[in-house]
C-alpha atoms as a PDB file:
ATOM      1  CA  MET A   1     -43.987  46.953  25.416  1.00  0.00           C
ATOM      2  CA  SER A   2     -47.895  47.001  24.232  1.00  0.00           C
ATOM      3  CA  HIS A   3     -48.771  47.848  20.754  1.00  0.00           C
ATOM      4  CA  PRO A   4     -51.207  50.556  19.705  1.00  0.00           C
ATOM      5  CA  PRO A   5     -54.639  49.465  19.975  1.00  0.00           C
ATOM      6  CA  GLU A   6     -56.192  48.602  16.522  1.00  0.00           C
ATOM      7  CA  PRO A   7     -58.464  51.031  15.027  1.00  0.00           C
ATOM      8  CA  GLY A   8     -61.831  51.064  16.666  1.00  0.00           C
ATOM      9  CA  PRO A   9     -65.327  51.112  14.832  1.00  0.00           C
ATOM     10  CA  GLU A  10     -65.057  54.745  14.232  1.00  0.00           C
ATOM     11  CA  SER A  11     -61.750  54.650  12.495  1.00  0.00           C
ATOM     12  CA  ALA A  12     -61.303  51.154  11.253  1.00  0.00           C
ATOM     13  CA  PRO A  13     -61.779  50.741   7.349  1.00  0.00           C
ATOM     14  CA  GLY A  14     -65.561  50.658   6.569  1.00  0.00           C
ATOM     15  CA  PRO A  15     -68.059  47.971   5.769  1.00  0.00           C
ATOM     16  CA  ALA A  16     -67.842  45.705   2.990  1.00  0.00           C
ATOM     17  CA  ARG A  17     -70.381  46.023   0.381  1.00  0.00           C
ATOM     18  CA  PRO A  18     -72.958  43.053   0.994  1.00  0.00           C
ATOM     19  CA  GLY A  19     -71.577  39.966   0.027  1.00  0.00           C
ATOM     20  CA  LEU A  20     -68.385  40.735  -1.129  1.00  0.00           C
ATOM     21  CA  ARG A  21     -64.851  39.656   0.415  1.00  0.00           C
ATOM     22  CA  ARG A  22     -62.953  43.048   1.158  1.00  0.00           C
ATOM     23  CA  ARG A  23     -59.922  43.761  -0.626  1.00  0.00           C
ATOM     24  CA  VAL A  24     -57.501  46.681  -0.480  1.00  0.00           C
ATOM     25  CA  VAL A  25     -54.789  47.489  -2.826  1.00  0.00           C
ATOM     26  CA  VAL A  26     -51.194  48.290  -1.388  1.00  0.00           C
ATOM     27  CA  THR A  27     -48.628  49.964  -3.023  1.00  0.00           C
ATOM     28  CA  GLY A  28     -44.869  49.292  -1.998  1.00  0.00           C
ATOM     29  CA  ALA A  29     -46.074  46.156  -0.481  1.00  0.00           C
ATOM     30  CA  ALA A  30     -42.600  45.198   0.374  1.00  0.00           C
ATOM     31  CA  GLY A  31     -40.883  47.921   1.580  1.00  0.00           C
ATOM     32  CA  PHE A  32     -41.049  49.340   5.330  1.00  0.00           C
ATOM     33  CA  ILE A  33     -44.150  50.770   5.782  1.00  0.00           C
ATOM     34  CA  GLY A  34     -45.945  48.687   3.383  1.00  0.00           C
ATOM     35  CA  ALA A  35     -45.087  45.253   4.776  1.00  0.00           C
ATOM     36  CA  HIS A  36     -46.451  46.337   7.851  1.00  0.00           C
ATOM     37  CA  VAL A  37     -49.527  47.669   6.682  1.00  0.00           C
ATOM     38  CA  CYS A  38     -50.109  44.667   4.369  1.00  0.00           C
ATOM     39  CA  ARG A  39     -49.779  42.433   7.915  1.00  0.00           C
ATOM     40  CA  ARG A  40     -52.251  44.670   9.925  1.00  0.00           C
ATOM     41  CA  LEU A  41     -54.906  44.484   7.350  1.00  0.00           C
ATOM     42  CA  LEU A  42     -54.483  40.826   7.004  1.00  0.00           C
ATOM     43  CA  GLY A  43     -54.609  40.170  10.944  1.00  0.00           C
ATOM     44  CA  MET A  44     -57.975  42.367  10.411  1.00  0.00           C
ATOM     45  CA  GLY A  45     -59.249  39.407   7.797  1.00  0.00           C
ATOM     46  CA  ILE A  46     -58.998  41.788   5.035  1.00  0.00           C
ATOM     47  CA  ASP A  47     -57.851  40.214   1.670  1.00  0.00           C
ATOM     48  CA  VAL A  48     -54.571  42.576   0.293  1.00  0.00           C
ATOM     49  CA  THR A  49     -53.104  42.795  -3.326  1.00  0.00           C
ATOM     50  CA  GLY A  50     -49.592  43.896  -2.716  1.00  0.00           C
ATOM     51  CA  ILE A  51     -47.542  45.791  -5.591  1.00  0.00           C
ATOM     52  CA  ASP A  52     -43.764  46.260  -5.713  1.00  0.00           C
ATOM     53  CA  ASN A  53     -41.087  46.930  -8.264  1.00  0.00           C
ATOM     54  CA  PHE A  54     -38.414  46.227  -6.252  1.00  0.00           C
ATOM     55  CA  ASP A  55     -36.441  49.288  -6.975  1.00  0.00           C
ATOM     56  CA  PRO A  56     -32.992  48.829  -6.207  1.00  0.00           C
ATOM     57  CA  TYR A  57     -32.440  51.723  -3.971  1.00  0.00           C
ATOM     58  CA  TYR A  58     -31.955  49.284  -1.119  1.00  0.00           C
ATOM     59  CA  ASP A  59     -30.998  45.332  -1.289  1.00  0.00           C
ATOM     60  CA  ALA A  60     -33.977  43.589  -3.054  1.00  0.00           C
ATOM     61  CA  GLN A  61     -33.358  40.592  -0.705  1.00  0.00           C
ATOM     62  CA  VAL A  62     -34.540  42.777   2.156  1.00  0.00           C
ATOM     63  CA  LYS A  63     -37.823  43.203   0.377  1.00  0.00           C
ATOM     64  CA  ARG A  64     -38.125  39.781  -0.501  1.00  0.00           C
ATOM     65  CA  ARG A  65     -37.800  38.762   3.233  1.00  0.00           C
ATOM     66  CA  ALA A  66     -40.448  41.397   4.167  1.00  0.00           C
ATOM     67  CA  LEU A  67     -43.012  39.732   1.683  1.00  0.00           C
ATOM     68  CA  GLY A  68     -42.371  36.233   2.787  1.00  0.00           C
ATOM     69  CA  GLU A  69     -43.182  37.602   6.280  1.00  0.00           C
ATOM     70  CA  VAL A  70     -46.262  39.156   5.127  1.00  0.00           C
ATOM     71  CA  ALA A  71     -47.577  35.953   3.303  1.00  0.00           C
ATOM     72  CA  GLY A  72     -46.908  33.801   6.163  1.00  0.00           C
ATOM     73  CA  CYS A  73     -49.271  35.703   8.478  1.00  0.00           C
ATOM     74  CA  ALA A  74     -52.257  36.047   5.989  1.00  0.00           C
ATOM     75  CA  GLY A  75     -54.293  33.450   7.636  1.00  0.00           C
ATOM     76  CA  SER A  76     -58.082  33.521   6.468  1.00  0.00           C
ATOM     77  CA  ALA A  77     -57.605  36.307   4.498  1.00  0.00           C
ATOM     78  CA  ALA A  78     -55.757  36.459   0.861  1.00  0.00           C
ATOM     79  CA  PHE A  79     -52.359  37.647   0.078  1.00  0.00           C
ATOM     80  CA  ASP A  80     -51.426  37.981  -3.679  1.00  0.00           C
ATOM     81  CA  PHE A  81     -48.474  39.918  -4.775  1.00  0.00           C
ATOM     82  CA  HIS A  82     -47.331  41.473  -7.995  1.00  0.00           C
ATOM     83  CA  GLU A  83     -44.072  42.868  -9.198  1.00  0.00           C
ATOM     84  CA  ALA A  84     -45.137  46.032 -11.266  1.00  0.00           C
ATOM     85  CA  ASP A  85     -44.133  49.299 -12.596  1.00  0.00           C
ATOM     86  CA  LEU A  86     -46.748  52.008 -11.045  1.00  0.00           C
ATOM     87  CA  CYS A  87     -46.158  53.838 -14.639  1.00  0.00           C
ATOM     88  CA  ASP A  88     -47.561  50.918 -16.500  1.00  0.00           C
ATOM     89  CA  ARG A  89     -51.355  51.905 -16.182  1.00  0.00           C
ATOM     90  CA  GLY A  90     -52.216  48.781 -17.475  1.00  0.00           C
ATOM     91  CA  ALA A  91     -50.764  46.893 -14.923  1.00  0.00           C
ATOM     92  CA  VAL A  92     -51.798  49.102 -12.462  1.00  0.00           C
ATOM     93  CA  GLY A  93     -55.855  49.332 -13.431  1.00  0.00           C
ATOM     94  CA  ALA A  94     -55.982  45.329 -13.746  1.00  0.00           C
ATOM     95  CA  LEU A  95     -54.970  45.006 -10.195  1.00  0.00           C
ATOM     96  CA  VAL A  96     -56.928  47.847  -8.692  1.00  0.00           C
ATOM     97  CA  ALA A  97     -60.200  46.900 -10.535  1.00  0.00           C
ATOM     98  CA  GLY A  98     -62.727  45.520  -8.146  1.00  0.00           C
ATOM     99  CA  ALA A  99     -60.722  46.607  -5.218  1.00  0.00           C
ATOM    100  CA  GLU A 100     -62.511  48.314  -2.118  1.00  0.00           C
ATOM    101  CA  GLY A 101     -59.418  50.908  -1.612  1.00  0.00           C
ATOM    102  CA  VAL A 102     -55.781  51.810  -2.484  1.00  0.00           C
ATOM    103  CA  ILE A 103     -53.341  52.384  -0.009  1.00  0.00           C
ATOM    104  CA  HIS A 104     -50.266  54.260  -1.947  1.00  0.00           C
ATOM    105  CA  LEU A 105     -47.123  54.064   0.048  1.00  0.00           C
ATOM    106  CA  ALA A 106     -44.260  53.218  -3.112  1.00  0.00           C
ATOM    107  CA  GLY A 107     -42.217  55.590  -4.205  1.00  0.00           C
ATOM    108  CA  ARG A 108     -38.315  56.273  -4.392  1.00  0.00           C
ATOM    109  CA  PRO A 109     -37.177  57.628  -1.208  1.00  0.00           C
ATOM    110  CA  GLY A 110     -34.641  59.779   0.305  1.00  0.00           C
ATOM    111  CA  VAL A 111     -33.589  63.337  -0.079  1.00  0.00           C
ATOM    112  CA  ARG A 112     -29.943  62.635  -0.819  1.00  0.00           C
ATOM    113  CA  ALA A 113     -30.724  60.286  -3.897  1.00  0.00           C
ATOM    114  CA  SER A 114     -33.491  62.667  -5.237  1.00  0.00           C
ATOM    115  CA  VAL A 115     -30.587  65.670  -5.273  1.00  0.00           C
ATOM    116  CA  GLU A 116     -28.648  62.807  -6.828  1.00  0.00           C
ATOM    117  CA  ASP A 117     -31.191  62.015  -9.700  1.00  0.00           C
ATOM    118  CA  PRO A 118     -34.002  64.184  -9.396  1.00  0.00           C
ATOM    119  CA  VAL A 119     -35.430  62.518 -12.639  1.00  0.00           C
ATOM    120  CA  ALA A 120     -35.555  59.067 -10.994  1.00  0.00           C
ATOM    121  CA  CYS A 121     -37.222  60.242  -8.098  1.00  0.00           C
ATOM    122  CA  TYR A 122     -40.118  62.450  -9.889  1.00  0.00           C
ATOM    123  CA  ARG A 123     -40.844  59.391 -12.312  1.00  0.00           C
ATOM    124  CA  ALA A 124     -41.357  57.225  -9.139  1.00  0.00           C
ATOM    125  CA  ASN A 125     -43.134  59.713  -6.982  1.00  0.00           C
ATOM    126  CA  VAL A 126     -44.937  61.755  -9.201  1.00  0.00           C
ATOM    127  CA  LEU A 127     -45.725  59.779 -12.210  1.00  0.00           C
ATOM    128  CA  GLY A 128     -46.359  56.886 -10.228  1.00  0.00           C
ATOM    129  CA  THR A 129     -49.112  58.560  -8.051  1.00  0.00           C
ATOM    130  CA  ALA A 130     -50.586  60.140 -11.081  1.00  0.00           C
ATOM    131  CA  ALA A 131     -51.026  56.773 -12.324  1.00  0.00           C
ATOM    132  CA  VAL A 132     -52.428  55.066  -9.540  1.00  0.00           C
ATOM    133  CA  LEU A 133     -54.948  57.918  -8.997  1.00  0.00           C
ATOM    134  CA  ALA A 134     -55.899  57.928 -12.453  1.00  0.00           C
ATOM    135  CA  GLU A 135     -56.720  54.029 -12.284  1.00  0.00           C
ATOM    136  CA  ALA A 136     -58.089  54.135  -9.094  1.00  0.00           C
ATOM    137  CA  ALA A 137     -60.964  56.670 -10.543  1.00  0.00           C
ATOM    138  CA  ARG A 138     -61.334  54.587 -13.609  1.00  0.00           C
ATOM    139  CA  SER A 139     -61.903  51.272 -11.506  1.00  0.00           C
ATOM    140  CA  GLY A 140     -64.418  52.807  -9.110  1.00  0.00           C
ATOM    141  CA  VAL A 141     -62.078  52.528  -6.192  1.00  0.00           C
ATOM    142  CA  ARG A 142     -64.011  53.758  -2.838  1.00  0.00           C
ATOM    143  CA  ARG A 143     -61.053  55.866  -1.136  1.00  0.00           C
ATOM    144  CA  VAL A 144     -57.368  56.701  -1.575  1.00  0.00           C
ATOM    145  CA  VAL A 145     -54.893  56.862   0.977  1.00  0.00           C
ATOM    146  CA  ALA A 146     -51.492  57.878   0.319  1.00  0.00           C
ATOM    147  CA  ALA A 147     -47.977  58.674   1.718  1.00  0.00           C
ATOM    148  CA  SER A 148     -46.494  62.368   1.995  1.00  0.00           C
ATOM    149  CA  SER A 149     -43.686  63.287   3.963  1.00  0.00           C
ATOM    150  CA  SER A 150     -42.524  65.898   6.883  1.00  0.00           C
ATOM    151  CA  SER A 151     -40.136  66.820   3.896  1.00  0.00           C
ATOM    152  CA  VAL A 152     -42.535  68.978   2.329  1.00  0.00           C
ATOM    153  CA  TYR A 153     -42.594  71.648   5.467  1.00  0.00           C
ATOM    154  CA  GLY A 154     -39.142  72.751   4.232  1.00  0.00           C
ATOM    155  CA  ASP A 155     -36.090  74.082   6.749  1.00  0.00           C
ATOM    156  CA  ARG A 156     -38.114  75.392   9.571  1.00  0.00           C
ATOM    157  CA  ALA A 157     -36.461  76.763  12.814  1.00  0.00           C
ATOM    158  CA  ALA A 158     -39.555  76.739  14.805  1.00  0.00           C
ATOM    159  CA  GLY A 159     -42.044  73.980  15.507  1.00  0.00           C
ATOM    160  CA  PRO A 160     -44.181  71.745  15.379  1.00  0.00           C
ATOM    161  CA  PHE A 161     -45.726  72.048  12.108  1.00  0.00           C
ATOM    162  CA  HIS A 162     -49.184  72.027  11.444  1.00  0.00           C
ATOM    163  CA  GLU A 163     -50.854  71.371   8.262  1.00  0.00           C
ATOM    164  CA  GLU A 164     -51.902  74.734   7.273  1.00  0.00           C
ATOM    165  CA  MET A 165     -48.671  76.148   7.218  1.00  0.00           C
ATOM    166  CA  ASP A 166     -47.230  77.103   3.586  1.00  0.00           C
ATOM    167  CA  VAL A 167     -45.520  74.288   1.980  1.00  0.00           C
ATOM    168  CA  ASN A 168     -44.034  75.984  -1.119  1.00  0.00           C
ATOM    169  CA  GLU A 169     -40.450  76.195  -0.234  1.00  0.00           C
ATOM    170  CA  ALA A 170     -39.225  72.588  -0.912  1.00  0.00           C
ATOM    171  CA  ARG A 171     -35.637  71.940  -0.044  1.00  0.00           C
ATOM    172  CA  SER A 172     -35.075  68.911  -2.010  1.00  0.00           C
ATOM    173  CA  PRO A 173     -36.400  67.290  -5.172  1.00  0.00           C
ATOM    174  CA  TYR A 174     -37.649  64.592  -2.978  1.00  0.00           C
ATOM    175  CA  ALA A 175     -39.600  67.114  -0.951  1.00  0.00           C
ATOM    176  CA  ALA A 176     -40.883  68.987  -4.227  1.00  0.00           C
ATOM    177  CA  SER A 177     -42.266  65.359  -5.579  1.00  0.00           C
ATOM    178  CA  LYS A 178     -44.364  64.648  -2.683  1.00  0.00           C
ATOM    179  CA  ARG A 179     -45.722  68.261  -2.650  1.00  0.00           C
ATOM    180  CA  ALA A 180     -46.528  67.726  -6.112  1.00  0.00           C
ATOM    181  CA  CYS A 181     -48.319  64.371  -5.037  1.00  0.00           C
ATOM    182  CA  GLU A 182     -50.429  65.935  -2.316  1.00  0.00           C
ATOM    183  CA  LEU A 183     -51.667  68.345  -5.224  1.00  0.00           C
ATOM    184  CA  MET A 184     -52.448  66.064  -7.780  1.00  0.00           C
ATOM    185  CA  ALA A 185     -54.569  63.936  -4.833  1.00  0.00           C
ATOM    186  CA  HIS A 186     -56.405  67.078  -3.952  1.00  0.00           C
ATOM    187  CA  THR A 187     -57.178  67.578  -7.788  1.00  0.00           C
ATOM    188  CA  HIS A 188     -57.867  63.967  -8.013  1.00  0.00           C
ATOM    189  CA  HIS A 189     -60.814  64.176  -5.192  1.00  0.00           C
ATOM    190  CA  HIS A 190     -62.361  67.656  -6.820  1.00  0.00           C
ATOM    191  CA  LEU A 191     -62.189  65.980 -10.152  1.00  0.00           C
ATOM    192  CA  THR A 192     -63.774  62.204  -9.139  1.00  0.00           C
ATOM    193  CA  GLY A 193     -65.113  62.641  -5.681  1.00  0.00           C
ATOM    194  CA  VAL A 194     -63.125  59.744  -4.464  1.00  0.00           C
ATOM    195  CA  PRO A 195     -62.303  60.337  -0.945  1.00  0.00           C
ATOM    196  CA  THR A 196     -58.576  61.175  -0.610  1.00  0.00           C
ATOM    197  CA  ALA A 197     -55.990  61.509   2.076  1.00  0.00           C
ATOM    198  CA  MET A 198     -52.225  62.588   2.362  1.00  0.00           C
ATOM    199  CA  LEU A 199     -50.240  61.108   5.174  1.00  0.00           C
ATOM    200  CA  ARG A 200     -47.007  63.477   6.104  1.00  0.00           C
ATOM    201  CA  PHE A 201     -44.863  60.643   7.670  1.00  0.00           C
ATOM    202  CA  PHE A 202     -42.351  62.074  10.229  1.00  0.00           C
ATOM    203  CA  THR A 203     -38.822  59.585  10.123  1.00  0.00           C
ATOM    204  CA  VAL A 204     -40.429  56.227  10.697  1.00  0.00           C
ATOM    205  CA  TYR A 205     -38.418  53.356  12.114  1.00  0.00           C
ATOM    206  CA  GLY A 206     -38.658  49.914  13.972  1.00  0.00           C
ATOM    207  CA  PRO A 207     -38.228  46.306  13.161  1.00  0.00           C
ATOM    208  CA  GLY A 208     -37.798  46.182   9.100  1.00  0.00           C
ATOM    209  CA  GLN A 209     -36.482  49.696   8.690  1.00  0.00           C
ATOM    210  CA  ARG A 210     -34.623  50.256   5.675  1.00  0.00           C
ATOM    211  CA  PRO A 211     -30.954  49.799   6.067  1.00  0.00           C
ATOM    212  CA  ASP A 212     -29.722  52.916   4.847  1.00  0.00           C
ATOM    213  CA  LEU A 213     -31.861  54.827   7.599  1.00  0.00           C
ATOM    214  CA  ALA A 214     -30.005  56.668  10.475  1.00  0.00           C
ATOM    215  CA  ILE A 215     -31.313  54.097  13.437  1.00  0.00           C
ATOM    216  CA  SER A 216     -30.662  50.918  11.462  1.00  0.00           C
ATOM    217  CA  THR A 217     -26.977  52.334  10.293  1.00  0.00           C
ATOM    218  CA  PHE A 218     -26.467  53.404  13.891  1.00  0.00           C
ATOM    219  CA  LEU A 219     -27.625  49.750  15.614  1.00  0.00           C
ATOM    220  CA  SER A 220     -25.830  48.077  13.035  1.00  0.00           C
ATOM    221  CA  ALA A 221     -22.828  50.089  14.096  1.00  0.00           C
ATOM    222  CA  ALA A 222     -22.949  49.366  17.275  1.00  0.00           C
ATOM    223  CA  ARG A 223     -23.676  45.690  16.658  1.00  0.00           C
ATOM    224  CA  GLU A 224     -20.362  45.760  14.718  1.00  0.00           C
ATOM    225  CA  GLY A 225     -18.040  48.188  17.100  1.00  0.00           C
ATOM    226  CA  ARG A 226     -17.984  50.520  13.969  1.00  0.00           C
ATOM    227  CA  ALA A 227     -18.200  54.392  14.251  1.00  0.00           C
ATOM    228  CA  VAL A 228     -20.880  56.254  12.494  1.00  0.00           C
ATOM    229  CA  ARG A 229     -20.929  59.791  10.511  1.00  0.00           C
ATOM    230  CA  LEU A 230     -23.192  62.433  11.988  1.00  0.00           C
ATOM    231  CA  PHE A 231     -24.209  64.594   9.364  1.00  0.00           C
ATOM    232  CA  GLY A 232     -24.302  68.311  10.306  1.00  0.00           C
ATOM    233  CA  ALA A 233     -24.833  69.473  14.191  1.00  0.00           C
ATOM    234  CA  PRO A 234     -25.626  67.343  17.217  1.00  0.00           C
ATOM    235  CA  THR A 235     -28.429  69.511  17.597  1.00  0.00           C
ATOM    236  CA  ARG A 236     -30.594  68.680  14.210  1.00  0.00           C
ATOM    237  CA  SER A 237     -33.439  66.824  15.761  1.00  0.00           C
ATOM    238  CA  ARG A 238     -36.219  64.389  13.761  1.00  0.00           C
ATOM    239  CA  ASP A 239     -39.553  63.755  15.159  1.00  0.00           C
ATOM    240  CA  TYR A 240     -38.965  59.948  15.148  1.00  0.00           C
ATOM    241  CA  THR A 241     -41.645  57.815  14.893  1.00  0.00           C
ATOM    242  CA  TYR A 242     -42.322  53.791  15.537  1.00  0.00           C
ATOM    243  CA  ILE A 243     -43.748  51.959  13.039  1.00  0.00           C
ATOM    244  CA  ASP A 244     -46.884  50.353  15.067  1.00  0.00           C
ATOM    245  CA  ASP A 245     -48.162  54.124  15.361  1.00  0.00           C
ATOM    246  CA  ILE A 246     -47.791  54.690  12.083  1.00  0.00           C
ATOM    247  CA  VAL A 247     -49.555  51.882  10.817  1.00  0.00           C
ATOM    248  CA  ALA A 248     -52.512  52.431  13.432  1.00  0.00           C
ATOM    249  CA  GLY A 249     -52.384  56.083  11.675  1.00  0.00           C
ATOM    250  CA  VAL A 250     -52.767  55.025   8.001  1.00  0.00           C
ATOM    251  CA  LEU A 251     -55.661  52.582   9.126  1.00  0.00           C
ATOM    252  CA  ALA A 252     -57.366  55.157  10.807  1.00  0.00           C
ATOM    253  CA  ALA A 253     -57.103  57.556   7.832  1.00  0.00           C
ATOM    254  CA  TYR A 254     -58.491  54.934   5.496  1.00  0.00           C
ATOM    255  CA  GLY A 255     -61.133  54.303   7.784  1.00  0.00           C
ATOM    256  CA  ALA A 256     -61.904  58.433   8.278  1.00  0.00           C
ATOM    257  CA  ILE A 257     -61.516  59.531   5.029  1.00  0.00           C
ATOM    258  CA  ASP A 258     -64.726  59.315   3.611  1.00  0.00           C
ATOM    259  CA  ARG A 259     -66.069  61.752   6.173  1.00  0.00           C
ATOM    260  CA  PHE A 260     -63.660  64.558   4.995  1.00  0.00           C
ATOM    261  CA  GLY A 261     -63.278  64.178   1.060  1.00  0.00           C
ATOM    262  CA  PHE A 262     -59.704  65.475   0.896  1.00  0.00           C
ATOM    263  CA  ARG A 263     -57.796  65.677   3.991  1.00  0.00           C
ATOM    264  CA  VAL A 264     -53.750  66.134   4.700  1.00  0.00           C
ATOM    265  CA  TRP A 265     -53.067  64.692   8.133  1.00  0.00           C
ATOM    266  CA  ASN A 266     -49.571  64.269   9.962  1.00  0.00           C
ATOM    267  CA  LEU A 267     -48.383  61.254  11.572  1.00  0.00           C
ATOM    268  CA  GLY A 268     -45.636  61.802  14.086  1.00  0.00           C
ATOM    269  CA  ASN A 269     -44.767  61.517  17.698  1.00  0.00           C
ATOM    270  CA  ASN A 270     -44.917  65.172  18.684  1.00  0.00           C
ATOM    271  CA  ARG A 271     -41.544  64.365  20.675  1.00  0.00           C
ATOM    272  CA  PRO A 272     -38.356  65.273  18.433  1.00  0.00           C
ATOM    273  CA  ALA A 273     -34.561  64.139  19.378  1.00  0.00           C
ATOM    274  CA  SER A 274     -31.362  65.199  18.437  1.00  0.00           C
ATOM    275  CA  LEU A 275     -28.804  63.873  17.103  1.00  0.00           C
ATOM    276  CA  ALA A 276     -26.869  64.048  19.971  1.00  0.00           C
ATOM    277  CA  ASP A 277     -30.307  62.575  22.074  1.00  0.00           C
ATOM    278  CA  LEU A 278     -30.255  59.517  19.776  1.00  0.00           C
ATOM    279  CA  VAL A 279     -26.841  58.355  19.921  1.00  0.00           C
ATOM    280  CA  GLY A 280     -27.092  58.579  23.899  1.00  0.00           C
ATOM    281  CA  VAL A 281     -30.276  56.441  23.617  1.00  0.00           C
ATOM    282  CA  ILE A 282     -28.816  54.059  21.098  1.00  0.00           C
ATOM    283  CA  GLY A 283     -25.681  53.516  23.518  1.00  0.00           C
ATOM    284  CA  GLN A 284     -28.307  52.949  26.660  1.00  0.00           C
ATOM    285  CA  VAL A 285     -29.954  50.366  24.822  1.00  0.00           C
ATOM    286  CA  THR A 286     -27.172  48.334  23.116  1.00  0.00           C
ATOM    287  CA  GLY A 287     -25.203  48.545  26.377  1.00  0.00           C
ATOM    288  CA  ARG A 288     -22.144  49.982  23.645  1.00  0.00           C
ATOM    289  CA  ALA A 289     -21.365  53.413  23.227  1.00  0.00           C
ATOM    290  CA  LEU A 290     -21.361  54.783  19.936  1.00  0.00           C
ATOM    291  CA  ARG A 291     -17.949  56.241  18.219  1.00  0.00           C
ATOM    292  CA  THR A 292     -18.887  59.061  16.197  1.00  0.00           C
ATOM    293  CA  GLU A 293     -17.575  61.085  13.512  1.00  0.00           C
ATOM    294  CA  ARG A 294     -18.508  64.478  11.751  1.00  0.00           C
ATOM    295  CA  ALA A 295     -19.644  65.107   8.635  1.00  0.00           C
ATOM    296  CA  GLU A 296     -21.273  68.111   6.374  1.00  0.00           C
ATOM    297  CA  ALA A 297     -25.003  67.879   6.316  1.00  0.00           C
ATOM    298  CA  PRO A 298     -26.106  67.044   2.679  1.00  0.00           C
ATOM    299  CA  GLN A 299     -27.769  69.241   0.465  1.00  0.00           C
ATOM    300  CA  GLY A 300     -31.575  69.374   0.644  1.00  0.00           C
ATOM    301  CA  ASP A 301     -31.530  68.084   3.967  1.00  0.00           C
ATOM    302  CA  VAL A 302     -33.222  70.181   7.083  1.00  0.00           C
ATOM    303  CA  GLU A 303     -32.181  70.583  10.531  1.00  0.00           C
ATOM    304  CA  HIS A 304     -35.575  70.036  12.139  1.00  0.00           C
ATOM    305  CA  THR A 305     -38.902  67.996  11.931  1.00  0.00           C
ATOM    306  CA  TRP A 306     -41.563  68.158  14.794  1.00  0.00           C
ATOM    307  CA  ALA A 307     -45.086  67.118  14.249  1.00  0.00           C
ATOM    308  CA  ASP A 308     -48.460  68.976  15.455  1.00  0.00           C
ATOM    309  CA  LEU A 309     -50.544  66.276  16.101  1.00  0.00           C
ATOM    310  CA  SER A 310     -53.713  68.153  16.986  1.00  0.00           C
ATOM    311  CA  ARG A 311     -55.607  67.361  13.931  1.00  0.00           C
ATOM    312  CA  ALA A 312     -54.823  63.931  13.885  1.00  0.00           C
ATOM    313  CA  ARG A 313     -55.507  63.610  17.221  1.00  0.00           C
ATOM    314  CA  ARG A 314     -58.976  65.491  17.139  1.00  0.00           C
ATOM    315  CA  GLU A 315     -59.975  63.834  13.870  1.00  0.00           C
ATOM    316  CA  LEU A 316     -58.374  60.076  13.511  1.00  0.00           C
ATOM    317  CA  GLY A 317     -58.081  59.498  17.531  1.00  0.00           C
ATOM    318  CA  TYR A 318     -54.564  59.457  16.643  1.00  0.00           C
ATOM    319  CA  GLN A 319     -52.123  58.646  19.497  1.00  0.00           C
ATOM    320  CA  PRO A 320     -48.651  57.352  19.401  1.00  0.00           C
ATOM    321  CA  THR A 321     -47.647  55.151  22.337  1.00  0.00           C
ATOM    322  CA  THR A 322     -44.112  54.091  21.519  1.00  0.00           C
ATOM    323  CA  ASP A 323     -41.590  56.446  23.098  1.00  0.00           C
ATOM    324  CA  LEU A 324     -37.962  56.496  21.349  1.00  0.00           C
ATOM    325  CA  ALA A 325     -36.369  54.106  23.998  1.00  0.00           C
ATOM    326  CA  GLN A 326     -38.740  51.423  23.686  1.00  0.00           C
ATOM    327  CA  GLY A 327     -38.961  51.779  19.697  1.00  0.00           C
ATOM    328  CA  ILE A 328     -35.412  51.341  19.625  1.00  0.00           C
ATOM    329  CA  ALA A 329     -35.187  48.550  21.700  1.00  0.00           C
ATOM    330  CA  GLN A 330     -37.911  46.885  19.873  1.00  0.00           C
ATOM    331  CA  GLN A 331     -35.774  47.586  16.514  1.00  0.00           C
ATOM    332  CA  TRP A 332     -32.682  46.347  18.390  1.00  0.00           C
ATOM    333  CA  ALA A 333     -34.264  43.275  19.623  1.00  0.00           C
ATOM    334  CA  TRP A 334     -35.740  42.534  16.043  1.00  0.00           C
ATOM    335  CA  MET A 335     -32.405  42.991  14.592  1.00  0.00           C
ATOM    336  CA  ASN A 336     -30.711  40.453  17.183  1.00  0.00           C
ATOM    337  CA  GLY A 337     -33.493  37.917  16.402  1.00  0.00           C
ATOM    338  CA  ARG A 338     -34.961  37.398  20.052  1.00  0.00           C
ATOM    339  CA  SER A 339     -37.711  39.214  21.956  1.00  0.00           C
ATOM    340  CA  GLY A 340     -35.419  40.529  24.783  1.00  0.00           C
ATOM    341  CA  VAL A 341     -32.868  43.410  24.431  1.00  0.00           C
ATOM    342  CA  GLY A 342     -29.034  43.371  25.035  1.00  0.00           C
ATOM    343  CA  GLY A 343     -25.909  42.788  23.310  1.00  0.00           C
ATOM    344  CA  ALA A 344     -25.583  40.392  20.349  1.00  0.00           C
END
């Protein structure tokens, strides 16, 4: 499978100031998306300062392994990592000082976890984002790109979901926290003039995916011969989006945001798949039929997600290239530690 092309001149991060090396700060650098973004930036010869707090939401060793892979691909670019809490403004300010831009991917994920502990969710997502935006403005950072989520669209029966839709009916504290981050980012741009983008990610998967997410869980179950729980009806669907496509979109947004000032973009695949479809694809890829058990859908979860990509295609040249079967095959191969696809 071919990877998405590197961003072209119209979408790649803009030129450095004369005589200066380029440096981008990536928050959440040890996380799934953050580690992939760091690797791509380093591969483009851009210095990266990574920040992560190793939130115990999942095994910190997973993050430490991802960091080791990032450091190993730095090449001619410099990678330095700092463990820090984003709510510590002094630490954040010191790290963003002198940077060209910030790609803010840190946060506390998970709809279910946010229902169980909304205070932790708001602290990490809302207060952490507020601190990043404030210190970016104070330090003279030239642009900010930050992660939002498809969860802001709430529970909609019809799609696809486009950026002009009303997003004021959040179904979970997580969704509400991400909508709050979007509003703060808009205010940040209005007050400071710093170009700022918010990216609504749709169910990202691929090598390095968090172990608690559905595709990781299902693939592990297939390898170990365990049954998996399907939450809600098998017709529930998600717009599963491969990590390389997401990274291409993040970098395109980073390069383009100067032209827009403030902008929200969907980054998805535009081809939702039901739970039943997902189970079938995993069976085909692994050669092992999944045994399933039904469970009640958790509070705050939604029935469907589906990204309208019209704006991202038009303004970023964003075009996902990896279908679900290809992406799951790549994740399965990564889990099994080899380049081919097959049984463990």
